[in-house]
């Protein structure tokens, strides 16, 4: 069974950096797009960054120039490098992947990792 396992969250001061990792494990035939979403308390889950199989990227306006998404296809892993963090970046960050295990690609989510930015 495919799983997405996240790591790298934590507490950081404003202006600091964190790097999130998300590894896809299980019986994987192919991975299409992978991305990061976040959900702050009382708010809806929102897209942070996406990267497709060709490594084209897309970012939310609020993180452009500060966050960088990348992937290592050999390791089935996606990363999110977060620099110049702001208190408003505080949220639970979720990894997402469109992954083909059998015939039809399915949408998978990680368990979430907390990122807290103190002012």
Protein backbone atom coordinates (compact mmCIF):
# COMPACT_ATOMS: atom_id res chain seq x y z
CA UNK A 1 0.00 0.00 0.00
CA UNK A 2 1.31 3.44 -0.91
CA UNK A 3 2.12 5.80 1.94
CA UNK A 4 3.53 9.30 2.14
CA UNK A 5 5.84 9.82 5.11
CA UNK A 6 6.68 13.40 6.04
CA UNK A 7 9.46 14.78 8.19
CA UNK A 8 11.21 18.05 8.98
CA UNK A 9 8.61 20.18 10.71
CA UNK A 10 9.29 22.04 13.93
CA UNK A 11 9.57 25.36 15.69
CA UNK A 12 11.62 28.18 14.18
CA UNK A 13 11.95 31.90 14.70
CA UNK A 14 10.76 34.36 12.08
CA UNK A 15 13.35 34.72 9.36
CA UNK A 16 14.59 31.19 9.84
CA UNK A 17 14.50 28.15 7.57
CA UNK A 18 13.13 24.64 7.58
CA UNK A 19 13.24 21.80 5.09
CA UNK A 20 10.35 19.37 4.79
CA UNK A 21 10.72 15.94 3.21
CA UNK A 22 8.07 13.53 1.99
CA UNK A 23 8.92 10.01 0.89
CA UNK A 24 6.47 7.86 -1.03
CA UNK A 25 6.73 4.19 -0.10
CA UNK A 26 5.01 1.01 -1.22
CA UNK A 27 4.31 -0.55 -4.57
CA UNK A 28 4.73 2.45 -6.86
CA UNK A 29 4.58 2.25 -10.63
CA UNK A 30 4.83 5.97 -11.29
CA UNK A 31 4.41 9.34 -9.62
CA UNK A 32 2.80 12.25 -11.39
CA UNK A 33 2.53 15.53 -9.53
CA UNK A 34 3.60 15.93 -5.93
CA UNK A 35 2.95 18.91 -3.76
CA UNK A 36 2.67 20.52 -0.38
CA UNK A 37 -0.47 21.97 1.16
CA UNK A 38 -0.97 23.63 4.52
CA UNK A 39 -3.80 24.23 6.93
CA UNK A 40 -3.72 26.83 9.66
CA UNK A 41 -6.15 26.72 12.60
CA UNK A 42 -9.61 27.85 11.53
CA UNK A 43 -8.63 28.04 7.87
CA UNK A 44 -9.08 25.84 4.83
CA UNK A 45 -6.29 23.72 3.46
CA UNK A 46 -4.42 25.63 0.78
CA UNK A 47 -1.88 24.82 -1.90
CA UNK A 48 1.69 25.83 -1.12
CA UNK A 49 3.68 24.36 -4.01
CA UNK A 50 3.40 21.74 -6.75
CA UNK A 51 5.95 19.94 -8.90
CA UNK A 52 5.01 17.69 -11.79
CA UNK A 53 6.79 14.71 -13.28
CA UNK A 54 8.74 17.03 -15.57
CA UNK A 55 9.81 19.15 -12.59
CA UNK A 56 7.73 22.15 -13.56
CA UNK A 57 6.73 24.02 -10.43
CA UNK A 58 3.87 26.18 -9.23
CA UNK A 59 3.74 28.24 -6.03
CA UNK A 60 1.19 30.12 -4.00
CA UNK A 61 1.77 33.86 -4.28
CA UNK A 62 2.36 34.07 -0.53
CA UNK A 63 5.47 31.85 -0.70
CA UNK A 64 7.00 32.79 -4.04
CA UNK A 65 10.64 33.72 -3.68
CA UNK A 66 10.86 32.15 -0.21
CA UNK A 67 9.95 28.48 -0.69
CA UNK A 68 11.42 26.00 -3.17
CA UNK A 69 9.91 22.64 -4.04
CA UNK A 70 12.07 19.89 -5.53
CA UNK A 71 11.91 16.14 -6.06
CA UNK A 72 14.27 13.20 -6.22
CA UNK A 73 12.63 10.70 -8.56
CA UNK A 74 15.10 7.96 -7.66
CA UNK A 75 14.04 8.21 -4.02
CA UNK A 76 10.35 8.97 -4.67
CA UNK A 77 10.81 11.97 -2.43
CA UNK A 78 9.67 15.57 -2.59
CA UNK A 79 11.20 18.40 -0.58
CA UNK A 80 10.08 21.85 0.46
CA UNK A 81 12.83 24.28 1.39
CA UNK A 82 11.30 27.13 3.36
CA UNK A 83 13.36 30.28 3.89
CA UNK A 84 12.54 33.67 5.40
CA UNK A 85 9.74 32.10 7.37
CA UNK A 86 6.99 34.31 8.74
CA UNK A 87 4.56 33.73 11.62
CA UNK A 88 1.76 33.47 9.05
CA UNK A 89 3.48 30.38 7.64
CA UNK A 90 2.51 28.54 10.83
CA UNK A 91 0.33 25.57 9.87
CA UNK A 92 0.20 21.83 9.51
CA UNK A 93 1.89 21.00 6.23
CA UNK A 94 0.62 18.04 4.22
CA UNK A 95 2.35 16.21 1.43
CA UNK A 96 0.24 15.17 -1.54
CA UNK A 97 1.01 12.87 -4.42
CA UNK A 98 -0.78 11.56 -7.51
CA UNK A 99 0.62 8.05 -7.63
CA UNK A 100 -0.04 5.04 -9.80
CA UNK A 101 0.09 1.81 -7.84
CA UNK A 102 -1.90 -0.37 -10.24
CA UNK A 103 -3.71 1.03 -13.30
CA UNK A 104 -5.34 4.31 -12.32
CA UNK A 105 -3.38 7.07 -10.51
CA UNK A 106 -4.79 7.97 -7.12
CA UNK A 107 -4.46 10.92 -4.80
CA UNK A 108 -2.53 10.24 -1.58
CA UNK A 109 -1.95 12.40 1.50
CA UNK A 110 0.67 12.33 4.21
CA UNK A 111 -0.17 12.54 7.88
CA UNK A 112 0.90 16.17 8.21
CA UNK A 113 3.80 17.85 9.98
CA UNK A 114 3.53 20.93 12.20
CA UNK A 115 5.47 24.05 11.31
CA UNK A 116 5.43 26.83 13.90
CA UNK A 117 7.10 30.18 13.28
CA UNK A 118 7.51 32.43 16.30
CA UNK A 119 7.71 36.20 16.04
